[in-house]
């Protein structure tokens, strides 16, 4: 059976702030909507589901993020995910220039958890906290 990854969905505290962060990194908004009703209750498994959503796409057209901000029921705040916790973990992006990407992230108040690592002179990479505490990995291929 063929299978294709469509997108990664991320609940956010502030949709506009999350859109600004990811579009500044280079993603493009390809759609926005407000969703509610029986079909969303059924699909998501949450009665009274009502959310604002935005679909963003990477410049190569192969990766998409669906960001959603709950209107109802109220969003539930949780502690930010730690790198060693089991479950949905992070979203990762390759970038041409990690220093430029980090400068963009810093304008949004987002900084590396510890620093930028060099993996065998193949990649420079880091984890940072994006909007709503999302773990974001940025990696630059040094072989290019």
C-alpha atoms as a PDB file:
ATOM      1  CA  UNK A   1       0.000   0.000   0.000  1.00  0.00           C
ATOM      2  CA  UNK A   2       1.502   3.380  -0.974  1.00  0.00           C
ATOM      3  CA  UNK A   3       1.670   5.946   1.811  1.00  0.00           C
ATOM      4  CA  UNK A   4       2.568   9.638   1.752  1.00  0.00           C
ATOM      5  CA  UNK A   5       3.094  12.051   4.632  1.00  0.00           C
ATOM      6  CA  UNK A   6       0.669  14.938   4.179  1.00  0.00           C
ATOM      7  CA  UNK A   7       1.516  17.290   7.047  1.00  0.00           C
ATOM      8  CA  UNK A   8       2.400  17.668  10.693  1.00  0.00           C
ATOM      9  CA  UNK A   9      -0.259  19.318  12.853  1.00  0.00           C
ATOM     10  CA  UNK A  10       0.723  21.547  15.748  1.00  0.00           C
ATOM     11  CA  UNK A  11      -1.606  23.207  18.247  1.00  0.00           C
ATOM     12  CA  UNK A  12      -0.397  26.716  19.057  1.00  0.00           C
ATOM     13  CA  UNK A  13      -1.232  29.343  21.634  1.00  0.00           C
ATOM     14  CA  UNK A  14      -1.154  32.237  19.126  1.00  0.00           C
ATOM     15  CA  UNK A  15      -1.739  31.406  15.467  1.00  0.00           C
ATOM     16  CA  UNK A  16      -0.502  34.742  14.123  1.00  0.00           C
ATOM     17  CA  UNK A  17       2.758  34.562  16.094  1.00  0.00           C
ATOM     18  CA  UNK A  18       3.373  30.996  14.898  1.00  0.00           C
ATOM     19  CA  UNK A  19       2.653  31.968  11.280  1.00  0.00           C
ATOM     20  CA  UNK A  20       5.063  34.917  11.558  1.00  0.00           C
ATOM     21  CA  UNK A  21       7.826  32.667  12.936  1.00  0.00           C
ATOM     22  CA  UNK A  22       7.512  29.950  10.290  1.00  0.00           C
ATOM     23  CA  UNK A  23       7.007  32.336   7.348  1.00  0.00           C
ATOM     24  CA  UNK A  24      10.080  34.313   8.418  1.00  0.00           C
ATOM     25  CA  UNK A  25      12.012  31.018   8.262  1.00  0.00           C
ATOM     26  CA  UNK A  26      10.815  30.577   4.671  1.00  0.00           C
ATOM     27  CA  UNK A  27       7.543  28.645   4.743  1.00  0.00           C
ATOM     28  CA  UNK A  28       4.550  29.985   2.810  1.00  0.00           C
ATOM     29  CA  UNK A  29       0.927  30.117   3.933  1.00  0.00           C
ATOM     30  CA  UNK A  30      -1.053  28.094   1.395  1.00  0.00           C
ATOM     31  CA  UNK A  31      -4.409  28.156   3.172  1.00  0.00           C
ATOM     32  CA  UNK A  32      -6.329  29.442   6.177  1.00  0.00           C
ATOM     33  CA  UNK A  33      -9.725  28.559   7.585  1.00  0.00           C
ATOM     34  CA  UNK A  34     -11.878  28.368  10.672  1.00  0.00           C
ATOM     35  CA  UNK A  35     -13.276  24.893  11.200  1.00  0.00           C
ATOM     36  CA  UNK A  36     -16.086  23.537  13.362  1.00  0.00           C
ATOM     37  CA  UNK A  37     -19.068  21.269  13.201  1.00  0.00           C
ATOM     38  CA  UNK A  38     -19.862  17.584  13.317  1.00  0.00           C
ATOM     39  CA  UNK A  39     -17.223  16.630  10.756  1.00  0.00           C
ATOM     40  CA  UNK A  40     -14.423  18.180  12.852  1.00  0.00           C
ATOM     41  CA  UNK A  41     -15.800  16.650  16.060  1.00  0.00           C
ATOM     42  CA  UNK A  42     -15.718  13.247  14.344  1.00  0.00           C
ATOM     43  CA  UNK A  43     -12.332  13.625  12.647  1.00  0.00           C
ATOM     44  CA  UNK A  44     -10.535  15.005  15.715  1.00  0.00           C
ATOM     45  CA  UNK A  45     -12.506  13.077  18.344  1.00  0.00           C
ATOM     46  CA  UNK A  46     -13.307  16.196  20.359  1.00  0.00           C
ATOM     47  CA  UNK A  47     -16.859  17.456  20.936  1.00  0.00           C
ATOM     48  CA  UNK A  48     -17.359  21.130  20.145  1.00  0.00           C
ATOM     49  CA  UNK A  49     -14.105  21.323  18.186  1.00  0.00           C
ATOM     50  CA  UNK A  50     -13.704  24.847  16.813  1.00  0.00           C
ATOM     51  CA  UNK A  51     -10.330  26.133  15.650  1.00  0.00           C
ATOM     52  CA  UNK A  52      -8.551  28.610  13.413  1.00  0.00           C
ATOM     53  CA  UNK A  53      -6.095  26.814  11.141  1.00  0.00           C
ATOM     54  CA  UNK A  54      -3.335  27.687   8.700  1.00  0.00           C
ATOM     55  CA  UNK A  55      -1.513  25.378   6.303  1.00  0.00           C
ATOM     56  CA  UNK A  56       2.117  26.277   5.597  1.00  0.00           C
ATOM     57  CA  UNK A  57       4.416  24.736   3.010  1.00  0.00           C
ATOM     58  CA  UNK A  58       8.178  24.516   2.619  1.00  0.00           C
ATOM     59  CA  UNK A  59       9.696  26.185  -0.467  1.00  0.00           C
ATOM     60  CA  UNK A  60      10.371  22.796  -2.102  1.00  0.00           C
ATOM     61  CA  UNK A  61       6.669  21.899  -1.831  1.00  0.00           C
ATOM     62  CA  UNK A  62       7.355  18.604  -0.027  1.00  0.00           C
ATOM     63  CA  UNK A  63       6.657  19.543   3.600  1.00  0.00           C
ATOM     64  CA  UNK A  64       3.593  21.046   5.214  1.00  0.00           C
ATOM     65  CA  UNK A  65       2.672  22.188   8.702  1.00  0.00           C
ATOM     66  CA  UNK A  66      -0.921  22.590   9.814  1.00  0.00           C
ATOM     67  CA  UNK A  67      -1.038  25.071  12.665  1.00  0.00           C
ATOM     68  CA  UNK A  68      -4.197  25.335  14.698  1.00  0.00           C
ATOM     69  CA  UNK A  69      -5.398  27.594  17.508  1.00  0.00           C
ATOM     70  CA  UNK A  70      -8.383  26.366  19.482  1.00  0.00           C
ATOM     71  CA  UNK A  71     -11.379  28.647  19.922  1.00  0.00           C
ATOM     72  CA  UNK A  72     -13.345  25.884  21.701  1.00  0.00           C
ATOM     73  CA  UNK A  73     -12.723  24.006  23.838  1.00  0.00           C
ATOM     74  CA  UNK A  74     -10.033  26.058  25.532  1.00  0.00           C
ATOM     75  CA  UNK A  75      -6.498  24.963  24.751  1.00  0.00           C
ATOM     76  CA  UNK A  76      -4.807  23.026  27.542  1.00  0.00           C
ATOM     77  CA  UNK A  77      -1.377  24.292  28.488  1.00  0.00           C
ATOM     78  CA  UNK A  78       1.227  21.600  29.129  1.00  0.00           C
ATOM     79  CA  UNK A  79       4.861  21.722  30.085  1.00  0.00           C
ATOM     80  CA  UNK A  80       7.150  22.068  27.066  1.00  0.00           C
ATOM     81  CA  UNK A  81       8.322  18.733  25.663  1.00  0.00           C
ATOM     82  CA  UNK A  82      11.813  17.751  26.709  1.00  0.00           C
ATOM     83  CA  UNK A  83      14.166  16.222  24.123  1.00  0.00           C
ATOM     84  CA  UNK A  84      14.071  12.808  25.883  1.00  0.00           C
ATOM     85  CA  UNK A  85      10.293  12.523  26.380  1.00  0.00           C
ATOM     86  CA  UNK A  86       8.324   9.852  24.550  1.00  0.00           C
ATOM     87  CA  UNK A  87       5.710  11.108  22.109  1.00  0.00           C
ATOM     88  CA  UNK A  88       5.439  13.741  19.398  1.00  0.00           C
ATOM     89  CA  UNK A  89       8.837  15.316  19.502  1.00  0.00           C
ATOM     90  CA  UNK A  90       9.881  18.076  17.125  1.00  0.00           C
ATOM     91  CA  UNK A  91       9.708  19.482  13.642  1.00  0.00           C
ATOM     92  CA  UNK A  92      13.005  19.658  11.724  1.00  0.00           C
ATOM     93  CA  UNK A  93      14.090  21.866   8.846  1.00  0.00           C
ATOM     94  CA  UNK A  94      17.194  21.948   6.705  1.00  0.00           C
ATOM     95  CA  UNK A  95      18.446  25.474   6.067  1.00  0.00           C
ATOM     96  CA  UNK A  96      21.107  26.901   3.777  1.00  0.00           C
ATOM     97  CA  UNK A  97      22.545  29.151   6.495  1.00  0.00           C
ATOM     98  CA  UNK A  98      21.975  28.199  10.134  1.00  0.00           C
ATOM     99  CA  UNK A  99      23.317  31.534  11.410  1.00  0.00           C
ATOM    100  CA  UNK A 100      20.780  33.421   9.315  1.00  0.00           C
ATOM    101  CA  UNK A 101      17.981  31.081  10.452  1.00  0.00           C
ATOM    102  CA  UNK A 102      18.991  31.602  14.096  1.00  0.00           C
ATOM    103  CA  UNK A 103      19.005  35.374  13.626  1.00  0.00           C
ATOM    104  CA  UNK A 104      15.433  35.131  12.280  1.00  0.00           C
ATOM    105  CA  UNK A 105      14.399  32.908  15.199  1.00  0.00           C
ATOM    106  CA  UNK A 106      15.998  35.327  17.678  1.00  0.00           C
ATOM    107  CA  UNK A 107      13.815  38.149  16.348  1.00  0.00           C
ATOM    108  CA  UNK A 108      10.897  36.031  17.594  1.00  0.00           C
ATOM    109  CA  UNK A 109      12.535  35.485  20.990  1.00  0.00           C
ATOM    110  CA  UNK A 110      13.540  31.916  20.083  1.00  0.00           C
ATOM    111  CA  UNK A 111      17.058  30.712  20.885  1.00  0.00           C
ATOM    112  CA  UNK A 112      18.950  27.385  20.880  1.00  0.00           C
ATOM    113  CA  UNK A 113      18.411  25.192  23.926  1.00  0.00           C
ATOM    114  CA  UNK A 114      22.172  24.931  24.390  1.00  0.00           C
ATOM    115  CA  UNK A 115      24.086  25.973  21.277  1.00  0.00           C
ATOM    116  CA  UNK A 116      24.910  24.883  17.748  1.00  0.00           C
ATOM    117  CA  UNK A 117      26.515  21.452  17.363  1.00  0.00           C
ATOM    118  CA  UNK A 118      28.776  20.175  14.609  1.00  0.00           C
ATOM    119  CA  UNK A 119      28.038  16.579  13.616  1.00  0.00           C
ATOM    120  CA  UNK A 120      31.189  15.100  12.048  1.00  0.00           C
ATOM    121  CA  UNK A 121      31.689  18.179   9.842  1.00  0.00           C
ATOM    122  CA  UNK A 122      28.578  17.059   7.934  1.00  0.00           C
ATOM    123  CA  UNK A 123      25.871  19.098   9.702  1.00  0.00           C
ATOM    124  CA  UNK A 124      25.620  22.093  11.989  1.00  0.00           C
ATOM    125  CA  UNK A 125      22.418  21.660  13.961  1.00  0.00           C
ATOM    126  CA  UNK A 126      20.499  22.872  16.965  1.00  0.00           C
ATOM    127  CA  UNK A 127      17.193  22.548  18.776  1.00  0.00           C
ATOM    128  CA  UNK A 128      15.323  25.689  19.772  1.00  0.00           C
ATOM    129  CA  UNK A 129      11.980  26.526  21.324  1.00  0.00           C
ATOM    130  CA  UNK A 130       9.678  28.055  18.762  1.00  0.00           C
ATOM    131  CA  UNK A 131       6.303  29.688  19.380  1.00  0.00           C
ATOM    132  CA  UNK A 132       4.091  27.924  21.929  1.00  0.00           C
ATOM    133  CA  UNK A 133       7.142  25.974  23.120  1.00  0.00           C
ATOM    134  CA  UNK A 134       7.419  23.913  19.909  1.00  0.00           C
ATOM    135  CA  UNK A 135      10.750  22.122  19.612  1.00  0.00           C
ATOM    136  CA  UNK A 136      12.260  23.079  16.245  1.00  0.00           C
ATOM    137  CA  UNK A 137      15.444  21.539  14.860  1.00  0.00           C
ATOM    138  CA  UNK A 138      17.474  23.514  12.329  1.00  0.00           C
ATOM    139  CA  UNK A 139      20.250  21.802  10.364  1.00  0.00           C
ATOM    140  CA  UNK A 140      22.712  23.073   7.782  1.00  0.00           C
ATOM    141  CA  UNK A 141      24.388  20.556   5.475  1.00  0.00           C
ATOM    142  CA  UNK A 142      28.082  21.523   5.496  1.00  0.00           C
ATOM    143  CA  UNK A 143      28.824  19.447   2.383  1.00  0.00           C
ATOM    144  CA  UNK A 144      27.097  21.993   0.147  1.00  0.00           C
END
